[in-house]
Amino acid sequence: MPDAPRAAVYGFPPFDVVDVPGDAVQVSPLVVGSTDWTDIAEGSLDEIVVLAPPGVAERRYVLAQALKALKVEGRLTALAPKDRGGLRMNKELTAFGCTIGESAKRHHRICVALKPANPVGLDAAIAEGAPRRLDGDGLWTQPGVFSWDRLDPGSALLLKSLPPLGGAGVDLGCGIGVLAHAVLTSPKVTKLTLVDLDRRAVEAARRNVDDPRVEVVQADARRGADLASGLDFVVTNPPFHDAGAEDKGLGQAFITSAAGMLRKGGVLWIVANRHLPYEAVLNEHFKTVRPVADTGGFKVYEARK
């Protein structure tokens, strides 16, 4: 058996802001192959460095999980940009019973604490950020997953626009599986692969989409033909934020990836914010590009290879 880890890291803290132990295991669900919190024994780690996420419930969940995994007097270093949760961490960690040393560097707030002998409120914070079922439709979800507690307007528009599909296809950036439910209403669909980078979304989608035609995979959707090829269709509502900042290249990469997955004549259905510059890359990789809907700040395209 491999040796138990001594240290962990959540995410990718900037190397010029904090030091990360060289032997730290990655525990972020946004990294394929990372270690799950449940695989780390309570009270076993000497040190954890956390690039804290911006969402309140998600951040408190991560900080609580980190404290739970540490030995008493184990060292927690938590950092976040000032405008994305960094200004709240001192108060949040103090509420867990920690004594904080705080500093600032390169627009980040950095909080350092040693785990107290009797932290408070960890189980409540973990319960608040844990997987749960939404009221109403009963889908499984978790704070931190894209649009975790409501149907986002882009997906809603794509759902209204999708015709019955057929053959084998992929849902790139599947989230908790909302689009998959609509795609699978067509009996002509023979296989649907759901792909998402977020392990939490993948686990939720596996619980939400119970269909023998479905495979759910944690992977970077930008891998394209490495994941699949010769497909009949791709549906996607691609992300356009990375680490809280807008990144137009993400959606463009999804389009390139979809083109590599599709057979000649295969079709891509994509929704995007109206301001995002996707038309050029669509026209570069597809024979025909047809605007289907444009409302509420979002646009839907059908692109045929």
Protein backbone atom coordinates (compact mmCIF):
# COMPACT_ATOMS: atom_id res chain seq x y z
CA MET A 1 0.00 0.00 0.00
CA PRO A 2 1.24 3.55 -0.72
CA ASP A 3 2.28 5.66 2.24
CA ALA A 4 -0.45 7.86 3.72
CA PRO A 5 -0.07 11.48 2.60
CA ARG A 6 1.53 14.01 4.92
CA ALA A 7 0.32 17.16 3.17
CA ALA A 8 -2.40 18.24 0.73
CA VAL A 9 -3.17 21.11 -1.61
CA TYR A 10 -6.54 22.30 -2.89
CA GLY A 11 -6.35 23.86 -6.34
CA PHE A 12 -3.31 25.64 -7.74
CA PRO A 13 -2.19 28.43 -5.40
CA PRO A 14 0.05 30.95 -7.20
CA PHE A 15 3.66 29.89 -6.68
CA ASP A 16 4.68 33.52 -6.12
CA VAL A 17 2.17 33.96 -3.29
CA VAL A 18 2.59 30.86 -1.08
CA ASP A 19 4.79 27.78 -0.94
CA VAL A 20 3.21 24.34 -1.40
CA PRO A 21 4.87 21.21 0.06
CA GLY A 22 6.46 19.17 -2.69
CA ASP A 23 4.79 15.98 -1.47
CA ALA A 24 1.29 17.46 -1.18
CA VAL A 25 -1.53 15.43 -2.73
CA GLN A 26 -4.09 17.32 -4.81
CA VAL A 27 -7.64 17.29 -3.37
CA SER A 28 -9.50 19.66 -5.70
CA PRO A 29 -12.47 18.04 -7.49
CA LEU A 30 -11.54 20.13 -10.55
CA VAL A 31 -8.37 18.09 -11.12
CA VAL A 32 -8.75 14.73 -12.84
CA GLY A 33 -7.24 11.98 -10.70
CA SER A 34 -7.15 14.03 -7.51
CA THR A 35 -7.69 12.51 -4.09
CA ASP A 36 -11.18 12.76 -2.58
CA TRP A 37 -11.55 14.20 0.92
CA THR A 38 -13.21 10.94 1.98
CA ASP A 39 -9.99 9.07 1.19
CA ILE A 40 -7.98 11.13 3.69
CA ALA A 41 -8.15 9.96 7.28
CA GLU A 42 -9.44 12.49 9.78
CA GLY A 43 -6.62 14.08 11.77
CA SER A 44 -3.88 12.62 9.57
CA LEU A 45 -2.23 15.54 7.77
CA ASP A 46 0.54 17.86 8.92
CA GLU A 47 -0.16 20.63 6.44
CA ILE A 48 -2.73 21.79 3.89
CA VAL A 49 -2.59 24.72 1.47
CA VAL A 50 -5.99 25.81 0.11
CA LEU A 51 -6.73 28.18 -2.75
CA ALA A 52 -10.20 28.86 -1.42
CA PRO A 53 -13.14 28.98 -3.86
CA PRO A 54 -15.30 32.13 -4.09
CA GLY A 55 -18.70 30.66 -3.18
CA VAL A 56 -19.51 30.97 0.53
CA ALA A 57 -20.95 27.50 1.14
CA GLU A 58 -18.30 25.87 -1.06
CA ARG A 59 -15.46 27.78 0.64
CA ARG A 60 -16.64 26.99 4.18
CA TYR A 61 -17.02 23.33 3.16
CA VAL A 62 -13.45 23.20 1.84
CA LEU A 63 -11.98 24.98 4.86
CA ALA A 64 -13.88 22.69 7.23
CA GLN A 65 -12.76 19.58 5.35
CA ALA A 66 -9.17 20.84 5.51
CA LEU A 67 -9.32 21.42 9.26
CA LYS A 68 -10.91 18.01 9.78
CA ALA A 69 -8.11 16.31 7.85
CA LEU A 70 -5.35 18.05 9.84
CA LYS A 71 -3.73 16.80 13.00
CA VAL A 72 -4.12 19.01 16.05
CA GLU A 73 -1.60 21.84 15.57
CA GLY A 74 -1.41 20.94 11.88
CA ARG A 75 -0.89 23.99 9.66
CA LEU A 76 -3.58 25.38 7.35
CA THR A 77 -2.63 28.04 4.81
CA ALA A 78 -5.71 29.42 3.05
CA LEU A 79 -5.61 32.13 0.42
CA ALA A 80 -8.02 33.77 -2.00
CA PRO A 81 -8.16 36.96 -4.10
CA LYS A 82 -9.43 39.84 -2.03
CA ASP A 83 -12.48 40.30 -4.24
CA ARG A 84 -13.34 36.58 -4.37
CA GLY A 85 -13.66 35.56 -0.75
CA GLY A 86 -10.27 36.60 0.60
CA LEU A 87 -11.72 39.29 2.84
CA ARG A 88 -14.09 36.80 4.52
CA MET A 89 -11.72 33.98 5.40
CA ASN A 90 -10.38 35.40 8.65
CA LYS A 91 -13.90 35.65 10.07
CA GLU A 92 -14.85 32.19 8.77
CA LEU A 93 -11.78 30.48 10.21
CA THR A 94 -12.13 32.34 13.50
CA ALA A 95 -15.70 31.00 13.73
CA PHE A 96 -14.24 27.48 13.49
CA GLY A 97 -12.15 28.23 16.59
CA CYS A 98 -8.87 29.07 14.85
CA THR A 99 -6.41 31.81 15.76
CA ILE A 100 -5.39 33.49 12.53
CA GLY A 101 -2.25 35.11 11.22
CA GLU A 102 -3.19 37.18 8.17
CA SER A 103 -1.15 38.82 5.44
CA ALA A 104 -1.63 40.13 1.91
CA LYS A 105 0.35 39.55 -1.27
CA ARG A 106 -0.38 40.10 -4.96
CA HIS A 107 -4.06 40.94 -4.40
CA HIS A 108 -4.57 37.83 -2.24
CA ARG A 109 -5.41 37.56 1.44
CA ILE A 110 -3.49 34.78 3.14
CA CYS A 111 -4.68 33.24 6.42
CA VAL A 112 -2.47 30.85 8.39
CA ALA A 113 -3.81 28.84 11.31
CA LEU A 114 -2.87 25.82 13.39
CA LYS A 115 -5.74 23.43 13.95
CA PRO A 116 -7.16 23.89 17.45
CA ALA A 117 -7.72 20.91 19.74
CA ASN A 118 -11.48 21.48 19.67
CA PRO A 119 -12.63 23.18 16.46
CA VAL A 120 -16.31 24.11 16.28
CA GLY A 121 -18.85 24.05 13.49
CA LEU A 122 -16.94 21.82 11.07
CA ASP A 123 -19.67 19.22 10.66
CA ALA A 124 -22.32 21.89 10.03
CA ALA A 125 -20.18 23.57 7.35
CA ILE A 126 -19.49 20.22 5.70
CA ALA A 127 -23.19 19.35 5.72
CA GLU A 128 -24.02 22.74 4.16
CA GLY A 129 -21.59 22.17 1.29
CA ALA A 130 -22.21 18.46 0.78
CA PRO A 131 -24.15 16.81 -2.08
CA ARG A 132 -27.90 17.32 -1.78
CA ARG A 133 -31.12 16.93 -3.72
CA LEU A 134 -32.83 19.99 -5.12
CA ASP A 135 -36.41 20.60 -4.09
CA GLY A 136 -38.91 20.07 -6.87
CA ASP A 137 -37.14 18.03 -9.54
CA GLY A 138 -35.07 16.10 -7.03
CA LEU A 139 -31.79 16.26 -8.95
CA TRP A 140 -28.58 15.69 -7.03
CA THR A 141 -26.21 18.65 -6.92
CA GLN A 142 -23.56 20.30 -4.74
CA PRO A 143 -22.49 23.88 -3.99
CA GLY A 144 -19.60 24.78 -6.27
CA VAL A 145 -20.93 22.97 -9.32
CA PHE A 146 -21.93 25.36 -12.16
CA SER A 147 -25.44 26.72 -11.57
CA TRP A 148 -25.80 24.17 -8.78
CA ASP A 149 -29.13 25.37 -7.37
CA ARG A 150 -31.06 26.60 -10.43
CA LEU A 151 -31.39 26.10 -14.17
CA ASP A 152 -29.16 28.70 -15.81
CA PRO A 153 -30.80 30.76 -18.59
CA GLY A 154 -28.35 29.56 -21.25
CA SER A 155 -29.22 25.93 -20.66
CA ALA A 156 -32.91 26.81 -20.54
CA LEU A 157 -32.68 28.41 -24.00
CA LEU A 158 -30.76 25.45 -25.40
CA LEU A 159 -33.38 23.08 -23.99
CA LYS A 160 -36.11 24.99 -25.81
CA SER A 161 -34.12 24.94 -29.06
CA LEU A 162 -32.95 21.32 -29.24
CA PRO A 163 -34.69 19.09 -31.80
CA PRO A 164 -34.87 15.31 -31.30
CA LEU A 165 -31.36 13.97 -31.86
CA GLY A 166 -30.18 10.55 -32.98
CA GLY A 167 -27.15 8.29 -32.95
CA ALA A 168 -24.16 8.62 -30.63
CA GLY A 169 -23.26 11.89 -29.01
CA VAL A 170 -21.59 13.78 -26.20
CA ASP A 171 -22.69 16.41 -23.70
CA LEU A 172 -19.53 18.48 -23.15
CA GLY A 173 -19.47 20.16 -19.75
CA CYS A 174 -22.50 18.17 -18.68
CA GLY A 175 -22.90 19.60 -15.19
CA ILE A 176 -25.42 17.62 -13.16
CA GLY A 177 -27.07 16.19 -16.29
CA VAL A 178 -29.90 18.60 -17.09
CA LEU A 179 -29.31 18.66 -20.86
CA ALA A 180 -28.85 14.89 -20.90
CA HIS A 181 -32.42 14.35 -19.72
CA ALA A 182 -33.73 16.27 -22.74
CA VAL A 183 -31.42 14.55 -25.23
CA LEU A 184 -32.38 11.10 -23.98
CA THR A 185 -36.09 11.67 -24.60
CA SER A 186 -35.32 10.81 -28.22
CA PRO A 187 -35.43 7.02 -28.75
CA LYS A 188 -33.10 7.48 -31.72
CA VAL A 189 -30.20 8.34 -29.40
CA THR A 190 -28.09 5.19 -29.12
CA LYS A 191 -25.37 6.45 -26.78
CA LEU A 192 -24.70 9.62 -24.82
CA THR A 193 -21.39 10.31 -23.08
CA LEU A 194 -21.47 12.98 -20.38
CA VAL A 195 -18.15 14.76 -19.86
CA ASP A 196 -17.25 17.22 -17.12
CA LEU A 197 -14.02 18.29 -15.44
CA ASP A 198 -15.71 18.68 -12.04
CA ARG A 199 -15.80 15.42 -10.10
CA ARG A 200 -18.76 16.72 -8.08
CA ALA A 201 -20.77 17.26 -11.28
CA VAL A 202 -19.79 13.82 -12.58
CA GLU A 203 -20.91 12.13 -9.37
CA ALA A 204 -24.21 14.07 -9.42
CA ALA A 205 -24.81 13.26 -13.09
CA ARG A 206 -24.28 9.55 -12.41
CA ARG A 207 -27.02 9.71 -9.81
CA ASN A 208 -29.33 11.90 -11.89
CA VAL A 209 -29.20 10.18 -15.28
CA ASP A 210 -30.26 6.55 -15.03
CA ASP A 211 -30.20 5.26 -18.60
CA PRO A 212 -28.34 2.28 -20.09
CA ARG A 213 -27.31 4.46 -23.06
CA VAL A 214 -25.29 6.78 -20.81
CA GLU A 215 -21.64 6.86 -19.81
CA VAL A 216 -20.35 9.59 -17.46
CA VAL A 217 -16.68 10.56 -17.59
CA GLN A 218 -14.55 12.99 -15.61
CA ALA A 219 -12.27 14.55 -18.19
CA ASP A 220 -11.19 17.85 -19.69
CA ALA A 221 -13.65 18.48 -22.52
CA ARG A 222 -10.89 20.24 -24.47
CA ARG A 223 -9.28 16.85 -25.18
CA GLY A 224 -11.62 16.43 -28.14
CA ALA A 225 -10.96 13.41 -30.33
CA ASP A 226 -8.91 11.85 -27.53
CA LEU A 227 -12.25 11.29 -25.79
CA ALA A 228 -14.38 10.25 -28.76
CA SER A 229 -14.59 10.48 -32.53
CA GLY A 230 -17.05 9.79 -35.34
CA LEU A 231 -19.97 11.12 -33.29
CA ASP A 232 -23.33 12.15 -34.68
CA PHE A 233 -23.92 15.08 -32.32
CA VAL A 234 -22.47 17.22 -29.55
CA VAL A 235 -24.45 19.44 -27.19
CA THR A 236 -22.75 21.97 -24.94
CA ASN A 237 -23.18 25.01 -22.76
CA PRO A 238 -19.46 25.71 -22.39
CA PRO A 239 -17.97 27.60 -19.45
CA PHE A 240 -16.49 31.02 -19.98
CA HIS A 241 -14.90 31.58 -16.56
CA ASP A 242 -11.70 30.11 -15.20
CA ALA A 243 -10.85 30.69 -11.53
CA GLY A 244 -13.49 33.42 -11.44
CA ALA A 245 -12.15 35.41 -14.41
CA GLU A 246 -13.75 35.51 -17.86
CA ASP A 247 -11.89 33.38 -20.40
CA LYS A 248 -13.28 33.54 -23.94
CA GLY A 249 -10.81 30.85 -24.99
CA LEU A 250 -12.64 28.18 -23.00
CA GLY A 251 -15.73 28.17 -25.19
CA GLN A 252 -13.61 28.44 -28.31
CA ALA A 253 -11.67 25.38 -27.18
CA PHE A 254 -14.93 23.49 -26.61
CA ILE A 255 -15.95 24.27 -30.20
CA THR A 256 -12.63 23.02 -31.57
CA SER A 257 -12.94 19.92 -29.40
CA ALA A 258 -16.49 19.24 -30.62
CA ALA A 259 -15.38 19.51 -34.24
CA GLY A 260 -12.71 16.88 -33.61
CA MET A 261 -15.29 14.53 -32.12
CA LEU A 262 -17.88 14.74 -34.89
CA ARG A 263 -18.12 12.77 -38.12
CA LYS A 264 -18.63 14.60 -41.40
CA GLY A 265 -22.24 15.78 -41.32
CA GLY A 266 -22.36 15.60 -37.53
CA VAL A 267 -23.99 18.48 -35.68
CA LEU A 268 -23.03 20.72 -32.77
CA TRP A 269 -25.67 22.46 -30.69
CA ILE A 270 -24.16 25.22 -28.56
CA VAL A 271 -25.43 28.06 -26.39
CA ALA A 272 -23.34 31.05 -25.40
CA ASN A 273 -23.60 34.53 -23.94
CA ARG A 274 -24.34 36.95 -26.75
CA HIS A 275 -21.15 38.96 -26.23
CA LEU A 276 -18.79 35.99 -26.63
CA PRO A 277 -16.91 35.84 -29.96
CA TYR A 278 -17.62 32.29 -31.09
CA GLU A 279 -18.78 32.87 -34.66
CA ALA A 280 -15.30 32.93 -36.20
CA VAL A 281 -14.19 29.64 -34.67
CA LEU A 282 -17.55 28.03 -35.54
CA ASN A 283 -17.18 29.08 -39.18
CA GLU A 284 -13.58 27.88 -39.20
CA HIS A 285 -14.43 24.32 -38.10
CA PHE A 286 -17.94 23.76 -39.49
CA LYS A 287 -19.36 23.73 -43.00
CA THR A 288 -22.63 25.43 -42.06
CA VAL A 289 -23.45 27.54 -39.00
CA ARG A 290 -27.07 28.50 -38.34
CA PRO A 291 -28.25 30.91 -35.62
CA VAL A 292 -31.28 29.32 -33.99
CA ALA A 293 -32.19 31.56 -31.04
CA ASP A 294 -31.09 34.92 -29.64
CA THR A 295 -32.86 36.11 -26.53
CA GLY A 296 -32.20 37.10 -22.93
CA GLY A 297 -28.53 37.74 -23.58
CA PHE A 298 -27.88 34.25 -24.97
CA LYS A 299 -27.59 32.78 -28.45
CA VAL A 300 -27.96 29.22 -29.75
CA TYR A 301 -26.21 27.87 -32.84
CA GLU A 302 -26.56 24.71 -34.87
CA ALA A 303 -23.25 23.96 -36.60
CA ARG A 304 -22.88 21.09 -39.05
CA LYS A 305 -19.50 19.65 -39.93
